[in-house]
Protein backbone atom coordinates (compact mmCIF):
# COMPACT_ATOMS: atom_id res chain seq x y z
CA GLN A 1 -15.00 7.33 -9.54
CA VAL A 2 -12.97 4.61 -7.88
CA GLN A 3 -13.49 3.02 -4.49
CA LEU A 4 -10.68 1.31 -2.59
CA VAL A 5 -11.36 -1.11 0.25
CA GLU A 6 -8.49 -2.30 2.42
CA SER A 7 -8.30 -5.16 4.86
CA GLY A 8 -5.75 -7.18 6.77
CA GLY A 9 -4.42 -4.89 9.44
CA GLY A 10 -4.10 -5.89 13.06
CA LEU A 11 -1.95 -6.27 16.14
CA VAL A 12 1.12 -8.46 15.79
CA GLN A 13 4.41 -9.02 17.55
CA ALA A 14 7.81 -7.98 16.27
CA GLY A 15 9.08 -10.49 13.75
CA ASP A 16 5.61 -11.55 12.66
CA SER A 17 4.14 -11.26 9.18
CA LEU A 18 0.99 -9.61 7.91
CA ARG A 19 -0.69 -9.29 4.52
CA LEU A 20 -2.78 -6.30 3.59
CA SER A 21 -5.28 -6.37 0.74
CA CYS A 22 -6.83 -3.58 -1.28
CA THR A 23 -9.57 -4.08 -3.86
CA ALA A 24 -10.51 -1.37 -6.33
CA SER A 25 -13.94 -0.97 -7.90
CA GLY A 26 -15.48 1.53 -10.26
CA ARG A 27 -13.65 3.21 -13.13
CA THR A 28 -10.33 1.40 -12.83
CA PHE A 29 -9.54 1.02 -16.54
CA SER A 30 -6.99 3.85 -16.54
CA THR A 31 -5.06 2.74 -13.45
CA TYR A 32 -1.36 3.59 -13.76
CA PHE A 33 0.07 2.92 -10.30
CA MET A 34 -1.31 1.32 -7.20
CA GLY A 35 0.58 2.03 -4.06
CA TRP A 36 0.76 1.62 -0.32
CA PHE A 37 1.55 4.45 2.04
CA ARG A 38 1.59 4.68 5.81
CA GLN A 39 1.18 7.35 8.41
CA SER A 40 2.14 7.39 12.07
CA PRO A 41 0.82 9.96 14.57
CA GLY A 42 2.54 13.29 14.09
CA LYS A 43 4.29 12.24 10.90
CA ASP A 44 3.65 12.82 7.23
CA ARG A 45 2.20 10.08 5.09
CA GLU A 46 5.11 8.16 3.62
CA PHE A 47 5.58 5.91 0.64
CA VAL A 48 5.93 2.16 1.27
CA ALA A 49 5.55 0.36 -2.06
CA ALA A 50 3.98 0.72 -5.49
CA VAL A 51 3.30 -1.32 -8.57
CA ARG A 52 2.96 -0.27 -12.20
CA TRP A 53 -0.48 -1.64 -13.02
CA LEU A 54 -0.62 -4.32 -15.76
CA TYR A 55 3.17 -4.31 -16.18
CA GLY A 56 4.09 -5.49 -12.71
CA TYR A 57 7.09 -3.24 -12.09
CA THR A 58 7.49 -2.85 -8.33
CA TYR A 59 9.03 -0.11 -6.22
CA TYR A 60 9.88 -0.01 -2.52
CA ALA A 61 10.93 2.44 0.12
CA ASP A 62 14.43 1.80 1.45
CA SER A 63 13.01 1.34 4.95
CA VAL A 64 11.03 -1.75 3.94
CA LYS A 65 13.06 -3.18 1.06
CA GLY A 66 13.71 -6.87 1.58
CA ARG A 67 10.89 -7.22 4.12
CA VAL A 68 7.90 -6.17 2.04
CA SER A 69 6.46 -7.42 -1.22
CA ILE A 70 3.72 -5.85 -3.32
CA SER A 71 1.74 -8.02 -5.71
CA THR A 72 -1.44 -7.87 -7.75
CA VAL A 73 -4.28 -10.00 -9.05
CA ILE A 74 -5.37 -8.00 -12.05
CA ALA A 75 -8.56 -9.98 -12.62
CA LYS A 76 -9.69 -9.05 -9.12
CA ASN A 77 -8.43 -5.45 -9.22
CA THR A 78 -6.60 -6.29 -6.02
CA VAL A 79 -3.20 -5.35 -4.71
CA TYR A 80 -1.51 -7.02 -1.75
CA LEU A 81 1.22 -5.91 0.61
CA GLN A 82 3.02 -8.80 2.25
CA MET A 83 5.02 -7.59 5.22
CA ASN A 84 7.54 -9.85 6.95
CA SER A 85 9.88 -9.39 9.90
CA LEU A 86 7.71 -6.58 11.19
CA LYS A 87 9.26 -4.04 13.53
CA PRO A 88 7.63 -1.69 16.06
CA GLU A 89 8.55 1.21 13.79
CA ASP A 90 6.26 -0.27 11.12
CA THR A 91 3.32 0.65 13.33
CA ALA A 92 1.07 3.01 11.36
CA VAL A 93 -2.16 3.36 9.48
CA TYR A 94 -1.60 1.87 6.05
CA TYR A 95 -3.37 3.37 3.06
CA CYS A 96 -3.93 1.97 -0.38
CA ALA A 97 -3.83 4.47 -3.24
CA LEU A 98 -4.58 4.48 -6.96
CA ALA A 99 -3.23 6.76 -9.65
CA SER A 100 -5.54 6.94 -12.67
CA GLY A 101 -2.96 8.07 -15.19
CA TYR A 102 0.62 9.19 -14.84
CA ARG A 103 0.95 12.41 -12.84
CA GLY A 104 4.49 12.03 -11.56
CA PRO A 105 6.73 9.73 -9.51
CA TYR A 106 5.12 6.82 -7.74
CA ARG A 107 6.38 7.82 -4.29
CA ALA A 108 4.60 11.17 -4.09
CA THR A 109 1.16 11.26 -2.45
CA GLN A 110 -0.03 14.09 -4.69
CA ASN A 111 0.28 11.85 -7.74
CA TYR A 112 -2.50 9.55 -6.55
CA ASP A 113 -6.16 10.25 -7.16
CA TYR A 114 -7.95 7.84 -4.87
CA TRP A 115 -7.30 6.59 -1.37
CA GLY A 116 -8.65 3.86 0.84
CA GLN A 117 -9.91 4.41 4.35
CA GLY A 118 -6.75 3.04 5.94
CA THR A 119 -6.07 -0.02 8.04
CA GLN A 120 -4.19 0.01 11.35
CA VAL A 121 -1.06 -2.07 11.75
CA THR A 122 0.37 -2.25 15.25
CA VAL A 123 3.61 -4.09 15.97
CA SER A 124 4.41 -4.74 19.62
CA SER A 125 7.97 -5.27 20.82
């Protein structure tokens, strides 16, 4: 089992920055991807960013590319999501996810095995 604990959400103004953190504990030795997804009311959960664990390859949704950066501290089993130039449309609950082994493309929710509880990000205009 793996537990994911997120932090860092909050209420900010458009143009501000925010950094989300997610720390994994438990049986993390087979981690393949760690990713961030988000979900707004009435919408499906959508891919934001992912990182290939240990190798550092990063992947981003087109909607956030250039404004968002995903990074890791392997020794702490922690992944960060740095979000800059935030827009009201970035408002959502952000979820951290972990794939313990390769099950398919990084952007698909079904390919992740564990999820955090979510952290709310609200961007006011």
